[in-house]
Amino acid sequence: MERDPSFARELLLHAELSETLQTIEIVVWLIFALLLISRVLAYMDARKKQAEKENTGVEWGTQVERAYDRGRYQEALEILATSELVYPGSALIKFWQGRCHFRLEAWEKAAEKFQESCRLEPYYRKSVKDYMAFIELNELVPGVEGYLDK
């Protein structure tokens, strides 16, 4: 029985092709695994950054409250100014700035910050009502009206 050399060549090519396909399959699975690992690491990094951001938020709030409760309104305003760089559109920061300015009797700035907080988050209206009513009743800032009715 004589073997056909072309058959042997085809068999060898088939074996090489099979090995190449197995190698490609392994490479594809490795790439898939690396992509999956990189996505998991990116997700974990994003969660870590979010947690740090939330902790920073709690930290500045605690610092502001502590300074405010001790009557250190200027110190609280400095903390708020730094926090405002991180959270520029925060109604809570504007509200606290208004409270500090109110205590420092900087009526115009207090009214401005209270109005900004209400513009950003309308539910702050209830919180600023007494402050703004005091400013309005005592005519401390011209043009502040309507907070007594709310």
C-alpha atoms as a PDB file:
ATOM      1  CA  MET A   1       0.000   0.000   0.000  1.00  0.00           C
ATOM      2  CA  GLU A   2       1.571   3.193  -1.239  1.00  0.00           C
ATOM      3  CA  ARG A   3       0.763   6.482   0.449  1.00  0.00           C
ATOM      4  CA  ASP A   4      -0.034   9.526  -1.562  1.00  0.00           C
ATOM      5  CA  PRO A   5       2.468  12.313  -0.709  1.00  0.00           C
ATOM      6  CA  SER A   6      -0.203  14.960  -1.261  1.00  0.00           C
ATOM      7  CA  PHE A   7      -2.411  13.237   1.337  1.00  0.00           C
ATOM      8  CA  ALA A   8       0.403  13.313   3.869  1.00  0.00           C
ATOM      9  CA  ARG A   9       1.018  16.998   3.062  1.00  0.00           C
ATOM     10  CA  GLU A  10      -2.701  17.744   3.542  1.00  0.00           C
ATOM     11  CA  LEU A  11      -2.721  15.858   6.797  1.00  0.00           C
ATOM     12  CA  LEU A  12       0.302  17.845   8.003  1.00  0.00           C
ATOM     13  CA  LEU A  13      -1.314  21.133   6.888  1.00  0.00           C
ATOM     14  CA  HIS A  14      -4.524  20.148   8.661  1.00  0.00           C
ATOM     15  CA  ALA A  15      -2.596  19.434  11.876  1.00  0.00           C
ATOM     16  CA  GLU A  16      -0.735  22.770  11.620  1.00  0.00           C
ATOM     17  CA  LEU A  17      -3.995  24.608  10.931  1.00  0.00           C
ATOM     18  CA  SER A  18      -5.600  22.929  13.925  1.00  0.00           C
ATOM     19  CA  GLU A  19      -2.706  23.988  16.172  1.00  0.00           C
ATOM     20  CA  THR A  20      -2.883  27.535  14.798  1.00  0.00           C
ATOM     21  CA  LEU A  21      -6.615  27.698  15.459  1.00  0.00           C
ATOM     22  CA  GLN A  22      -6.095  26.431  19.006  1.00  0.00           C
ATOM     23  CA  THR A  23      -3.419  29.075  19.546  1.00  0.00           C
ATOM     24  CA  ILE A  24      -5.729  31.771  18.181  1.00  0.00           C
ATOM     25  CA  GLU A  25      -8.529  30.546  20.429  1.00  0.00           C
ATOM     26  CA  ILE A  26      -6.229  30.722  23.458  1.00  0.00           C
ATOM     27  CA  VAL A  27      -5.132  34.244  22.510  1.00  0.00           C
ATOM     28  CA  VAL A  28      -8.745  35.348  22.059  1.00  0.00           C
ATOM     29  CA  TRP A  29      -9.670  33.958  25.475  1.00  0.00           C
ATOM     30  CA  LEU A  30      -6.656  35.681  27.037  1.00  0.00           C
ATOM     31  CA  ILE A  31      -7.656  38.989  25.446  1.00  0.00           C
ATOM     32  CA  PHE A  32     -11.219  38.490  26.679  1.00  0.00           C
ATOM     33  CA  ALA A  33      -9.960  37.755  30.192  1.00  0.00           C
ATOM     34  CA  LEU A  34      -7.708  40.830  30.163  1.00  0.00           C
ATOM     35  CA  LEU A  35     -10.570  43.033  28.972  1.00  0.00           C
ATOM     36  CA  LEU A  36     -12.838  41.612  31.648  1.00  0.00           C
ATOM     37  CA  ILE A  37     -10.216  42.171  34.338  1.00  0.00           C
ATOM     38  CA  SER A  38      -9.596  45.731  33.143  1.00  0.00           C
ATOM     39  CA  ARG A  39     -13.350  46.484  33.251  1.00  0.00           C
ATOM     40  CA  VAL A  40     -13.639  45.056  36.753  1.00  0.00           C
ATOM     41  CA  LEU A  41     -10.653  47.120  37.901  1.00  0.00           C
ATOM     42  CA  ALA A  42     -12.091  50.264  36.272  1.00  0.00           C
ATOM     43  CA  TYR A  43     -15.425  49.631  37.999  1.00  0.00           C
ATOM     44  CA  MET A  44     -13.716  49.137  41.357  1.00  0.00           C
ATOM     45  CA  ASP A  45     -11.675  52.313  40.826  1.00  0.00           C
ATOM     46  CA  ALA A  46     -14.827  54.279  39.987  1.00  0.00           C
ATOM     47  CA  ARG A  47     -16.554  52.953  43.118  1.00  0.00           C
ATOM     48  CA  LYS A  48     -13.514  53.878  45.216  1.00  0.00           C
ATOM     49  CA  LYS A  49     -13.463  57.416  43.792  1.00  0.00           C
ATOM     50  CA  GLN A  50     -17.214  57.768  44.414  1.00  0.00           C
ATOM     51  CA  ALA A  51     -16.762  56.621  48.014  1.00  0.00           C
ATOM     52  CA  GLU A  52     -13.894  59.073  48.494  1.00  0.00           C
ATOM     53  CA  LYS A  53     -16.022  61.842  47.015  1.00  0.00           C
ATOM     54  CA  GLU A  54     -18.909  60.995  49.334  1.00  0.00           C
ATOM     55  CA  ASN A  55     -16.576  60.854  52.326  1.00  0.00           C
ATOM     56  CA  THR A  56     -15.103  64.213  51.351  1.00  0.00           C
ATOM     57  CA  GLY A  57     -18.628  65.600  51.224  1.00  0.00           C
ATOM     58  CA  VAL A  58     -19.364  64.341  54.710  1.00  0.00           C
ATOM     59  CA  GLU A  59     -16.038  65.651  55.894  1.00  0.00           C
ATOM     60  CA  TRP A  60     -16.594  69.226  54.698  1.00  0.00           C
ATOM     61  CA  GLY A  61     -20.117  69.213  56.103  1.00  0.00           C
ATOM     62  CA  THR A  62     -18.861  68.115  59.504  1.00  0.00           C
ATOM     63  CA  GLN A  63     -16.116  70.745  59.454  1.00  0.00           C
ATOM     64  CA  VAL A  64     -18.570  73.486  58.490  1.00  0.00           C
ATOM     65  CA  GLU A  65     -21.067  72.509  61.181  1.00  0.00           C
ATOM     66  CA  ARG A  66     -18.330  72.346  63.793  1.00  0.00           C
ATOM     67  CA  ALA A  67     -16.994  75.814  62.876  1.00  0.00           C
ATOM     68  CA  TYR A  68     -20.541  77.240  62.667  1.00  0.00           C
ATOM     69  CA  ASP A  69     -21.545  75.814  66.050  1.00  0.00           C
ATOM     70  CA  ARG A  70     -18.435  77.368  67.606  1.00  0.00           C
ATOM     71  CA  GLY A  71     -19.259  80.771  66.117  1.00  0.00           C
ATOM     72  CA  ARG A  72     -16.357  80.658  63.670  1.00  0.00           C
ATOM     73  CA  TYR A  73     -18.385  81.798  60.697  1.00  0.00           C
ATOM     74  CA  GLN A  74     -15.434  83.084  58.675  1.00  0.00           C
ATOM     75  CA  GLU A  75     -13.674  79.728  59.085  1.00  0.00           C
ATOM     76  CA  ALA A  76     -16.834  77.963  57.950  1.00  0.00           C
ATOM     77  CA  LEU A  77     -16.990  80.252  54.895  1.00  0.00           C
ATOM     78  CA  GLU A  78     -13.399  79.331  54.013  1.00  0.00           C
ATOM     79  CA  ILE A  79     -14.224  75.620  54.179  1.00  0.00           C
ATOM     80  CA  LEU A  80     -17.329  76.263  52.089  1.00  0.00           C
ATOM     81  CA  ALA A  81     -15.304  78.184  49.485  1.00  0.00           C
ATOM     82  CA  THR A  82     -12.979  75.207  49.091  1.00  0.00           C
ATOM     83  CA  SER A  83     -15.916  72.796  48.937  1.00  0.00           C
ATOM     84  CA  GLU A  84     -17.604  74.963  46.332  1.00  0.00           C
ATOM     85  CA  LEU A  85     -14.668  74.334  43.993  1.00  0.00           C
ATOM     86  CA  VAL A  86     -15.459  70.621  44.133  1.00  0.00           C
ATOM     87  CA  TYR A  87     -19.267  71.008  44.137  1.00  0.00           C
ATOM     88  CA  PRO A  88     -19.929  74.279  42.251  1.00  0.00           C
ATOM     89  CA  GLY A  89     -23.700  73.860  41.931  1.00  0.00           C
ATOM     90  CA  SER A  90     -24.455  72.670  45.445  1.00  0.00           C
ATOM     91  CA  ALA A  91     -27.544  74.228  46.978  1.00  0.00           C
ATOM     92  CA  LEU A  92     -26.431  72.940  50.374  1.00  0.00           C
ATOM     93  CA  ILE A  93     -23.167  74.885  50.165  1.00  0.00           C
ATOM     94  CA  LYS A  94     -25.071  78.035  49.136  1.00  0.00           C
ATOM     95  CA  PHE A  95     -27.460  77.532  52.064  1.00  0.00           C
ATOM     96  CA  TRP A  96     -24.603  77.219  54.558  1.00  0.00           C
ATOM     97  CA  GLN A  97     -22.864  80.241  53.048  1.00  0.00           C
ATOM     98  CA  GLY A  98     -26.100  82.173  53.528  1.00  0.00           C
ATOM     99  CA  ARG A  99     -26.313  81.108  57.167  1.00  0.00           C
ATOM    100  CA  CYS A 100     -22.712  82.185  57.828  1.00  0.00           C
ATOM    101  CA  HIS A 101     -23.180  85.541  56.107  1.00  0.00           C
ATOM    102  CA  PHE A 102     -26.395  86.020  58.075  1.00  0.00           C
ATOM    103  CA  ARG A 103     -24.535  85.456  61.362  1.00  0.00           C
ATOM    104  CA  LEU A 104     -21.829  87.872  60.214  1.00  0.00           C
ATOM    105  CA  GLU A 105     -24.615  90.382  59.443  1.00  0.00           C
ATOM    106  CA  ALA A 106     -23.586  90.512  55.786  1.00  0.00           C
ATOM    107  CA  TRP A 107     -27.245  90.773  54.827  1.00  0.00           C
ATOM    108  CA  GLU A 108     -26.878  91.254  51.069  1.00  0.00           C
ATOM    109  CA  LYS A 109     -24.531  88.286  50.717  1.00  0.00           C
ATOM    110  CA  ALA A 110     -26.789  86.198  52.955  1.00  0.00           C
ATOM    111  CA  ALA A 111     -29.854  87.043  50.872  1.00  0.00           C
ATOM    112  CA  GLU A 112     -27.946  86.347  47.654  1.00  0.00           C
ATOM    113  CA  LYS A 113     -26.772  82.917  48.848  1.00  0.00           C
ATOM    114  CA  PHE A 114     -30.206  81.996  50.196  1.00  0.00           C
ATOM    115  CA  GLN A 115     -31.807  82.947  46.884  1.00  0.00           C
ATOM    116  CA  GLU A 116     -29.192  80.912  44.973  1.00  0.00           C
ATOM    117  CA  SER A 117     -29.865  77.865  47.131  1.00  0.00           C
ATOM    118  CA  CYS A 118     -33.601  78.184  46.465  1.00  0.00           C
ATOM    119  CA  ARG A 119     -32.997  78.628  42.750  1.00  0.00           C
ATOM    120  CA  LEU A 120     -30.861  75.468  42.666  1.00  0.00           C
ATOM    121  CA  GLU A 121     -33.153  73.430  44.920  1.00  0.00           C
ATOM    122  CA  PRO A 122     -36.633  74.880  45.502  1.00  0.00           C
ATOM    123  CA  TYR A 123     -37.201  72.809  48.646  1.00  0.00           C
ATOM    124  CA  TYR A 124     -34.728  75.101  50.442  1.00  0.00           C
ATOM    125  CA  ARG A 125     -37.461  77.785  50.458  1.00  0.00           C
ATOM    126  CA  LYS A 126     -38.827  76.410  53.695  1.00  0.00           C
ATOM    127  CA  SER A 127     -35.364  76.440  55.300  1.00  0.00           C
ATOM    128  CA  VAL A 128     -34.526  80.025  54.301  1.00  0.00           C
ATOM    129  CA  LYS A 129     -37.957  81.493  55.007  1.00  0.00           C
ATOM    130  CA  ASP A 130     -37.175  82.702  58.532  1.00  0.00           C
ATOM    131  CA  TYR A 131     -33.819  84.163  57.546  1.00  0.00           C
ATOM    132  CA  MET A 132     -35.271  85.967  54.551  1.00  0.00           C
ATOM    133  CA  ALA A 133     -38.291  87.140  56.529  1.00  0.00           C
ATOM    134  CA  PHE A 134     -35.945  88.697  59.106  1.00  0.00           C
ATOM    135  CA  ILE A 135     -34.022  90.453  56.340  1.00  0.00           C
ATOM    136  CA  GLU A 136     -37.271  91.621  54.722  1.00  0.00           C
ATOM    137  CA  LEU A 137     -38.920  92.803  57.962  1.00  0.00           C
ATOM    138  CA  ASN A 138     -35.891  94.802  58.983  1.00  0.00           C
ATOM    139  CA  GLU A 139     -35.449  96.154  55.451  1.00  0.00           C
ATOM    140  CA  LEU A 140     -31.800  95.141  55.532  1.00  0.00           C
ATOM    141  CA  VAL A 141     -31.552  94.415  51.792  1.00  0.00           C
ATOM    142  CA  PRO A 142     -33.485  96.512  49.289  1.00  0.00           C
ATOM    143  CA  GLY A 143     -35.707  94.543  46.951  1.00  0.00           C
ATOM    144  CA  VAL A 144     -36.080  91.435  49.106  1.00  0.00           C
ATOM    145  CA  GLU A 145     -39.796  90.791  49.235  1.00  0.00           C
ATOM    146  CA  GLY A 146     -42.260  87.980  49.369  1.00  0.00           C
ATOM    147  CA  TYR A 147     -40.631  85.661  51.873  1.00  0.00           C
ATOM    148  CA  LEU A 148     -43.119  86.600  54.584  1.00  0.00           C
ATOM    149  CA  ASP A 149     -45.933  85.236  52.419  1.00  0.00           C
ATOM    150  CA  LYS A 150     -44.338  81.872  51.733  1.00  0.00           C
END
